[in-house]
Amino acid sequence: MATAATAGSVVLFSGYYNTGYLADTWMWNGTVWTQQVPATAPPGRNYSAMASDGTTGDVVVFGGTNSSLLQSGDTWTSNGVT
């Protein structure tokens, strides 16, 4: 989870269910959770780092492991829209 300053929300990405890692993106506006469906999104993962970029207000997701437990070194950013 991280704060998306540009969207005025908190962003939650990924998770786990019986079928494996989820690639869900959810936003909390202080009242309700809303699932987001971006055109491009990272694959589901575990043990990743997520933070807010204080300069741009974007949310950054880095690394983690996939369902095969392979480590990833990719970086993704979101401005709340894309």
N, C-alpha and C. Protein backbone atom coordinates (compact mmCIF):
# COMPACT_ATOMS: atom_id res chain seq x y z
N MET A 1 0.84 -1.19 0.00
CA MET A 1 0.00 0.00 0.00
C MET A 1 0.87 1.23 0.00
N ALA A 2 0.35 2.28 -0.64
CA ALA A 2 1.05 3.56 -0.65
C ALA A 2 0.04 4.66 -0.92
N THR A 3 0.39 5.87 -0.55
CA THR A 3 -0.47 7.02 -0.80
C THR A 3 -0.24 7.53 -2.21
N ALA A 4 -1.32 7.74 -2.95
CA ALA A 4 -1.25 8.32 -4.29
C ALA A 4 -1.68 9.77 -4.17
N ALA A 5 -0.72 10.65 -3.94
CA ALA A 5 -1.03 12.06 -3.69
C ALA A 5 -1.78 12.70 -4.85
N THR A 6 -1.41 12.35 -6.10
CA THR A 6 -2.07 12.95 -7.26
C THR A 6 -3.53 12.54 -7.36
N ALA A 7 -3.87 11.38 -6.84
CA ALA A 7 -5.25 10.90 -6.90
C ALA A 7 -5.99 11.15 -5.59
N GLY A 8 -5.27 11.59 -4.54
CA GLY A 8 -5.90 11.81 -3.25
C GLY A 8 -6.42 10.53 -2.62
N SER A 9 -5.71 9.42 -2.87
CA SER A 9 -6.17 8.11 -2.40
C SER A 9 -5.00 7.27 -1.88
N VAL A 10 -5.35 6.13 -1.32
CA VAL A 10 -4.37 5.11 -0.96
C VAL A 10 -4.52 3.99 -1.99
N VAL A 11 -3.40 3.47 -2.45
CA VAL A 11 -3.42 2.42 -3.47
C VAL A 11 -2.95 1.11 -2.85
N LEU A 12 -3.67 0.04 -3.15
CA LEU A 12 -3.31 -1.31 -2.73
C LEU A 12 -3.09 -2.12 -4.00
N PHE A 13 -1.96 -2.79 -4.10
CA PHE A 13 -1.68 -3.61 -5.28
C PHE A 13 -1.28 -5.01 -4.87
N SER A 14 -1.79 -5.97 -5.61
CA SER A 14 -1.47 -7.39 -5.52
C SER A 14 -2.07 -8.03 -4.28
N GLY A 15 -1.85 -9.28 -4.15
CA GLY A 15 -2.41 -10.06 -3.06
C GLY A 15 -2.27 -11.53 -3.39
N TYR A 16 -2.84 -12.38 -2.56
CA TYR A 16 -2.74 -13.82 -2.77
C TYR A 16 -4.09 -14.46 -2.51
N TYR A 17 -4.45 -15.42 -3.35
CA TYR A 17 -5.64 -16.22 -3.17
C TYR A 17 -5.25 -17.65 -3.49
N ASN A 18 -6.13 -18.61 -3.27
CA ASN A 18 -5.82 -20.03 -3.49
C ASN A 18 -5.24 -20.31 -4.87
N THR A 19 -5.61 -19.50 -5.85
CA THR A 19 -5.16 -19.73 -7.22
C THR A 19 -3.81 -19.08 -7.51
N GLY A 20 -3.27 -18.32 -6.58
CA GLY A 20 -1.97 -17.69 -6.78
C GLY A 20 -2.00 -16.20 -6.51
N TYR A 21 -0.99 -15.52 -6.99
CA TYR A 21 -0.88 -14.08 -6.77
C TYR A 21 -1.87 -13.33 -7.65
N LEU A 22 -2.48 -12.33 -7.07
CA LEU A 22 -3.41 -11.49 -7.79
C LEU A 22 -2.69 -10.24 -8.29
N ALA A 23 -3.19 -9.67 -9.37
CA ALA A 23 -2.63 -8.43 -9.89
C ALA A 23 -3.66 -7.31 -9.75
N ASP A 24 -4.45 -7.37 -8.69
CA ASP A 24 -5.50 -6.38 -8.45
C ASP A 24 -4.92 -5.05 -8.02
N THR A 25 -5.55 -3.98 -8.46
CA THR A 25 -5.23 -2.63 -7.99
C THR A 25 -6.51 -2.03 -7.43
N TRP A 26 -6.44 -1.57 -6.17
CA TRP A 26 -7.59 -0.98 -5.49
C TRP A 26 -7.21 0.39 -4.96
N MET A 27 -8.17 1.31 -4.96
CA MET A 27 -7.94 2.65 -4.41
C MET A 27 -8.95 2.93 -3.32
N TRP A 28 -8.48 3.52 -2.22
CA TRP A 28 -9.30 3.90 -1.07
C TRP A 28 -9.32 5.41 -1.01
N ASN A 29 -10.51 6.01 -1.11
CA ASN A 29 -10.61 7.48 -1.11
C ASN A 29 -10.97 8.03 0.27
N GLY A 30 -10.93 7.18 1.28
CA GLY A 30 -11.30 7.59 2.63
C GLY A 30 -12.69 7.12 3.01
N THR A 31 -13.45 6.67 2.02
CA THR A 31 -14.80 6.19 2.26
C THR A 31 -15.03 4.79 1.68
N VAL A 32 -14.63 4.58 0.42
CA VAL A 32 -14.88 3.30 -0.25
C VAL A 32 -13.64 2.82 -1.00
N TRP A 33 -13.55 1.50 -1.14
CA TRP A 33 -12.53 0.87 -1.99
C TRP A 33 -13.12 0.75 -3.39
N THR A 34 -12.32 1.07 -4.41
CA THR A 34 -12.74 0.94 -5.80
C THR A 34 -11.66 0.19 -6.56
N GLN A 35 -12.07 -0.88 -7.24
CA GLN A 35 -11.08 -1.62 -8.03
C GLN A 35 -10.76 -0.84 -9.30
N GLN A 36 -9.47 -0.74 -9.60
CA GLN A 36 -9.01 -0.06 -10.79
C GLN A 36 -8.65 -1.11 -11.85
N VAL A 37 -8.83 -0.75 -13.11
CA VAL A 37 -8.47 -1.67 -14.19
C VAL A 37 -7.61 -0.89 -15.19
N PRO A 38 -6.32 -0.68 -14.84
CA PRO A 38 -5.45 0.07 -15.75
C PRO A 38 -5.16 -0.73 -17.02
N ALA A 39 -4.89 -0.02 -18.11
CA ALA A 39 -4.58 -0.68 -19.39
C ALA A 39 -3.32 -1.53 -19.28
N THR A 40 -2.38 -1.09 -18.48
CA THR A 40 -1.13 -1.81 -18.26
C THR A 40 -0.88 -1.89 -16.77
N ALA A 41 -0.52 -3.08 -16.30
CA ALA A 41 -0.27 -3.27 -14.87
C ALA A 41 0.80 -4.33 -14.69
N PRO A 42 1.52 -4.27 -13.57
CA PRO A 42 2.50 -5.32 -13.32
C PRO A 42 1.82 -6.65 -13.03
N PRO A 43 2.52 -7.74 -13.25
CA PRO A 43 1.95 -9.04 -12.87
C PRO A 43 1.88 -9.15 -11.35
N GLY A 44 1.01 -10.02 -10.86
CA GLY A 44 0.88 -10.24 -9.43
C GLY A 44 2.22 -10.66 -8.83
N ARG A 45 2.41 -10.28 -7.57
CA ARG A 45 3.69 -10.56 -6.93
C ARG A 45 3.56 -10.55 -5.42
N ASN A 46 4.58 -11.00 -4.77
CA ASN A 46 4.66 -11.00 -3.32
C ASN A 46 6.02 -10.42 -2.93
N TYR A 47 6.12 -9.90 -1.74
CA TYR A 47 7.39 -9.35 -1.21
C TYR A 47 7.92 -8.18 -2.03
N SER A 48 7.05 -7.40 -2.63
CA SER A 48 7.50 -6.22 -3.36
C SER A 48 7.52 -5.02 -2.43
N ALA A 49 8.14 -3.95 -2.88
CA ALA A 49 8.15 -2.69 -2.14
C ALA A 49 7.26 -1.70 -2.88
N MET A 50 6.50 -0.92 -2.13
CA MET A 50 5.60 0.07 -2.72
C MET A 50 5.70 1.35 -1.91
N ALA A 51 5.85 2.48 -2.60
CA ALA A 51 6.01 3.75 -1.91
C ALA A 51 5.50 4.89 -2.78
N SER A 52 5.34 6.05 -2.16
CA SER A 52 4.95 7.26 -2.88
C SER A 52 6.20 8.02 -3.27
N ASP A 53 6.20 8.57 -4.48
CA ASP A 53 7.27 9.43 -4.94
C ASP A 53 6.92 10.85 -4.51
N GLY A 54 7.66 11.41 -3.58
CA GLY A 54 7.35 12.72 -3.04
C GLY A 54 7.48 13.84 -4.05
N THR A 55 8.22 13.64 -5.12
CA THR A 55 8.39 14.68 -6.14
C THR A 55 7.23 14.71 -7.12
N THR A 56 6.82 13.54 -7.61
CA THR A 56 5.77 13.47 -8.63
C THR A 56 4.39 13.17 -8.06
N GLY A 57 4.35 12.57 -6.86
CA GLY A 57 3.09 12.14 -6.28
C GLY A 57 2.65 10.78 -6.78
N ASP A 58 3.46 10.18 -7.65
CA ASP A 58 3.14 8.85 -8.20
C ASP A 58 3.41 7.77 -7.15
N VAL A 59 2.86 6.60 -7.41
CA VAL A 59 3.13 5.41 -6.59
C VAL A 59 4.12 4.55 -7.37
N VAL A 60 5.09 4.01 -6.66
CA VAL A 60 6.13 3.19 -7.28
C VAL A 60 6.10 1.80 -6.67
N VAL A 61 6.11 0.78 -7.52
CA VAL A 61 6.19 -0.62 -7.08
C VAL A 61 7.50 -1.18 -7.62
N PHE A 62 8.27 -1.83 -6.75
CA PHE A 62 9.54 -2.40 -7.17
C PHE A 62 9.67 -3.84 -6.70
N GLY A 63 10.15 -4.68 -7.61
CA GLY A 63 10.57 -6.04 -7.29
C GLY A 63 9.49 -6.96 -6.76
N GLY A 64 9.94 -7.94 -6.00
CA GLY A 64 9.06 -8.96 -5.45
C GLY A 64 9.35 -10.31 -6.07
N THR A 65 8.49 -11.26 -5.78
CA THR A 65 8.60 -12.60 -6.37
C THR A 65 7.29 -12.96 -7.04
N ASN A 66 7.37 -13.77 -8.09
CA ASN A 66 6.15 -14.22 -8.76
C ASN A 66 5.71 -15.56 -8.17
N SER A 67 4.69 -16.16 -8.77
CA SER A 67 4.13 -17.40 -8.21
C SER A 67 5.11 -18.57 -8.30
N SER A 68 6.15 -18.45 -9.13
CA SER A 68 7.19 -19.48 -9.21
C SER A 68 8.34 -19.18 -8.26
N LEU A 69 8.18 -18.14 -7.43
CA LEU A 69 9.17 -17.68 -6.48
C LEU A 69 10.43 -17.12 -7.14
N LEU A 70 10.30 -16.71 -8.41
CA LEU A 70 11.41 -16.06 -9.09
C LEU A 70 11.41 -14.59 -8.73
N GLN A 71 12.59 -14.06 -8.41
CA GLN A 71 12.69 -12.66 -8.04
C GLN A 71 12.61 -11.76 -9.27
N SER A 72 12.00 -10.61 -9.06
CA SER A 72 11.83 -9.63 -10.12
C SER A 72 12.56 -8.36 -9.73
N GLY A 73 13.14 -7.67 -10.70
CA GLY A 73 13.81 -6.40 -10.44
C GLY A 73 13.17 -5.27 -11.22
N ASP A 74 11.90 -5.44 -11.59
CA ASP A 74 11.24 -4.41 -12.39
C ASP A 74 10.65 -3.31 -11.52
N THR A 75 10.44 -2.15 -12.12
CA THR A 75 9.87 -0.99 -11.44
C THR A 75 8.68 -0.49 -12.24
N TRP A 76 7.57 -0.22 -11.53
CA TRP A 76 6.34 0.29 -12.14
C TRP A 76 5.92 1.54 -11.42
N THR A 77 5.37 2.51 -12.15
CA THR A 77 4.84 3.72 -11.52
C THR A 77 3.41 3.94 -11.97
N SER A 78 2.64 4.62 -11.12
CA SER A 78 1.25 4.95 -11.44
C SER A 78 0.95 6.34 -10.91
N ASN A 79 0.23 7.11 -11.71
CA ASN A 79 -0.20 8.44 -11.28
C ASN A 79 -1.65 8.44 -10.83
N GLY A 80 -2.23 7.25 -10.67
CA GLY A 80 -3.63 7.12 -10.27
C GLY A 80 -4.56 6.94 -11.45
N VAL A 81 -4.05 7.19 -12.64
CA VAL A 81 -4.84 7.02 -13.87
C VAL A 81 -4.17 5.98 -14.77
N THR A 82 -2.87 6.13 -14.98
CA THR A 82 -2.12 5.18 -15.81
C THR A 82 -0.87 4.73 -15.10
